[in-house]
Protein backbone atom coordinates (compact mmCIF):
# COMPACT_ATOMS: atom_id res chain seq x y z
CA MET A 1 -25.05 -35.39 6.34
CA LYS A 2 -24.82 -32.07 4.47
CA LYS A 3 -22.50 -31.88 1.17
CA SER A 4 -19.68 -29.43 1.36
CA LYS A 5 -19.40 -26.48 -1.15
CA SER A 6 -17.20 -26.65 -4.00
CA ASN A 7 -14.23 -24.41 -4.50
CA LEU A 8 -15.42 -22.62 -7.55
CA LYS A 9 -18.96 -21.89 -5.91
CA ILE A 10 -16.94 -20.33 -2.58
CA MET A 11 -15.28 -18.27 -5.07
CA ALA A 12 -18.30 -17.20 -6.88
CA GLU A 13 -19.88 -16.28 -3.69
CA LEU A 14 -17.01 -14.29 -2.36
CA ILE A 15 -16.66 -12.59 -5.94
CA VAL A 16 -20.32 -10.99 -5.25
CA LEU A 17 -19.14 -9.95 -1.63
CA VAL A 18 -16.29 -8.15 -3.22
CA LYS A 19 -18.67 -6.82 -6.05
CA PRO A 20 -18.82 -3.52 -4.26
CA MET A 21 -15.22 -2.88 -3.98
CA LEU A 22 -14.67 -3.42 -7.69
CA PRO A 23 -12.76 -0.13 -8.03
CA VAL A 24 -10.04 -0.96 -5.62
CA MET A 25 -9.87 -4.46 -6.81
CA VAL A 26 -9.27 -2.90 -10.37
CA PHE A 27 -6.99 -0.70 -9.30
CA ALA A 28 -4.92 -3.19 -6.97
CA VAL A 29 -4.55 -5.47 -10.31
CA PHE A 30 -3.66 -2.28 -12.40
CA LEU A 31 -0.67 -1.49 -9.79
CA GLY A 32 0.18 -5.18 -10.31
CA ILE A 33 0.57 -5.25 -13.75
CA LEU A 34 2.50 -1.91 -13.78
CA GLY A 35 4.75 -3.18 -10.76
CA PHE A 36 5.20 -6.61 -13.16
CA ILE A 37 6.48 -4.52 -16.12
CA ALA A 38 8.82 -2.22 -13.97
CA ALA A 39 10.36 -5.43 -12.18
CA SER A 40 10.83 -6.64 -15.91
CA ALA A 41 12.64 -3.53 -16.87
CA ILE A 42 15.23 -3.69 -14.47
CA PRO A 43 17.04 -6.80 -15.85
CA VAL A 44 16.63 -5.06 -19.12
CA GLY A 45 18.21 -2.14 -18.08
CA GLY A 46 20.95 -4.63 -16.47
CA VAL A 47 21.57 -6.20 -20.03
CA ILE A 48 21.37 -2.93 -21.99
CA ALA A 49 24.34 -1.32 -19.62
CA LEU A 50 26.33 -4.80 -19.87
CA LEU A 51 25.91 -4.74 -23.77
CA ASN A 52 27.14 -1.01 -23.76
CA LYS A 53 30.07 -1.90 -21.62
CA LEU A 54 31.17 -4.56 -23.65
CA GLY A 55 31.16 -2.27 -26.53
CA PHE A 56 27.90 -3.46 -28.50
CA GLN A 57 25.78 -0.62 -29.98
CA THR A 58 22.58 -0.25 -28.21
CA THR A 59 19.62 2.35 -28.05
CA LEU A 60 20.54 3.74 -24.72
CA SER A 61 23.75 4.80 -23.07
CA PHE A 62 25.15 3.09 -19.99
CA LYS A 63 24.31 6.03 -17.84
CA THR A 64 20.95 6.17 -19.01
CA ALA A 65 20.51 2.26 -18.70
CA VAL A 66 21.59 2.60 -15.03
CA ILE A 67 19.52 5.72 -14.14
CA ALA A 68 16.47 3.54 -15.78
CA MET A 69 17.21 0.48 -13.90
CA ALA A 70 17.13 2.73 -10.69
CA PHE A 71 13.95 4.38 -11.56
CA ALA A 72 12.51 1.39 -12.25
CA ALA A 73 13.37 -0.59 -8.86
CA VAL A 74 12.02 2.57 -7.30
CA LEU A 75 9.07 2.52 -9.28
CA ARG A 76 8.60 -1.21 -8.37
CA GLY A 77 8.90 -0.56 -4.75
CA VAL A 78 6.03 2.23 -4.71
CA LEU A 79 3.96 0.05 -7.18
CA ARG A 80 3.92 -2.90 -4.64
CA TYR A 81 3.42 -0.68 -1.90
CA GLY A 82 0.30 0.48 -3.39
CA GLU A 83 -0.81 -2.80 -4.60
CA GLN A 84 -0.39 -4.45 -1.37
CA ALA A 85 -2.10 -1.65 0.49
CA SER A 86 -5.03 -2.06 -1.69
CA ASN A 87 -5.06 -5.84 -1.58
CA HIS A 88 -4.91 -5.69 2.44
CA TYR A 89 -7.92 -3.06 2.65
CA LEU A 90 -10.19 -5.36 0.11
CA ALA A 91 -9.14 -8.41 2.61
CA PHE A 92 -10.01 -6.70 5.78
CA LYS A 93 -12.96 -5.22 4.16
CA LEU A 94 -14.26 -8.62 3.17
CA LEU A 95 -13.55 -9.88 6.21
CA ALA A 96 -15.60 -7.26 8.17
CA ILE A 97 -18.55 -7.82 5.70
CA ILE A 98 -18.21 -11.81 6.38
CA ARG A 99 -18.11 -11.01 10.17
CA SER A 100 -21.07 -8.71 10.10
CA LYS A 101 -23.07 -11.51 8.42
CA VAL A 102 -22.12 -14.21 10.44
CA PHE A 103 -23.00 -11.92 13.54
CA GLY A 104 -26.67 -11.12 11.97
CA VAL A 105 -27.17 -14.78 11.57
CA LEU A 106 -25.88 -15.73 15.27
CA ARG A 107 -28.09 -12.97 16.49
CA ARG A 108 -31.22 -14.25 15.01
CA LEU A 109 -30.30 -18.15 16.20
CA CYS A 110 -29.61 -16.81 19.63
CA PRO A 111 -32.23 -17.37 22.18
CA ALA A 112 -31.79 -14.38 24.23
CA ASN A 113 -31.02 -11.98 21.54
């Protein structure tokens, strides 16, 4: 009976397959990090605006905090879209590579070619 591969070995093989698309992967990770920062900026801006309305001294005015929140929200959407598009490109490209390899093996195994 054939022993199944470990998850770590499967992931290592997938990383080798993705290696030619490393720039796209780095770009997707970069967009994800920037999107996370933008998502974190939205509640921070809300707290600054709330503190400003409660009469506390803050570094930003109420109007500036609200504008910053809106900008961070739009930026978060754009970054999320870019990240998802990059990730989908990677996934479908990887599936195409795997499909090509599987059909190559099937062609060799097929008696009629």
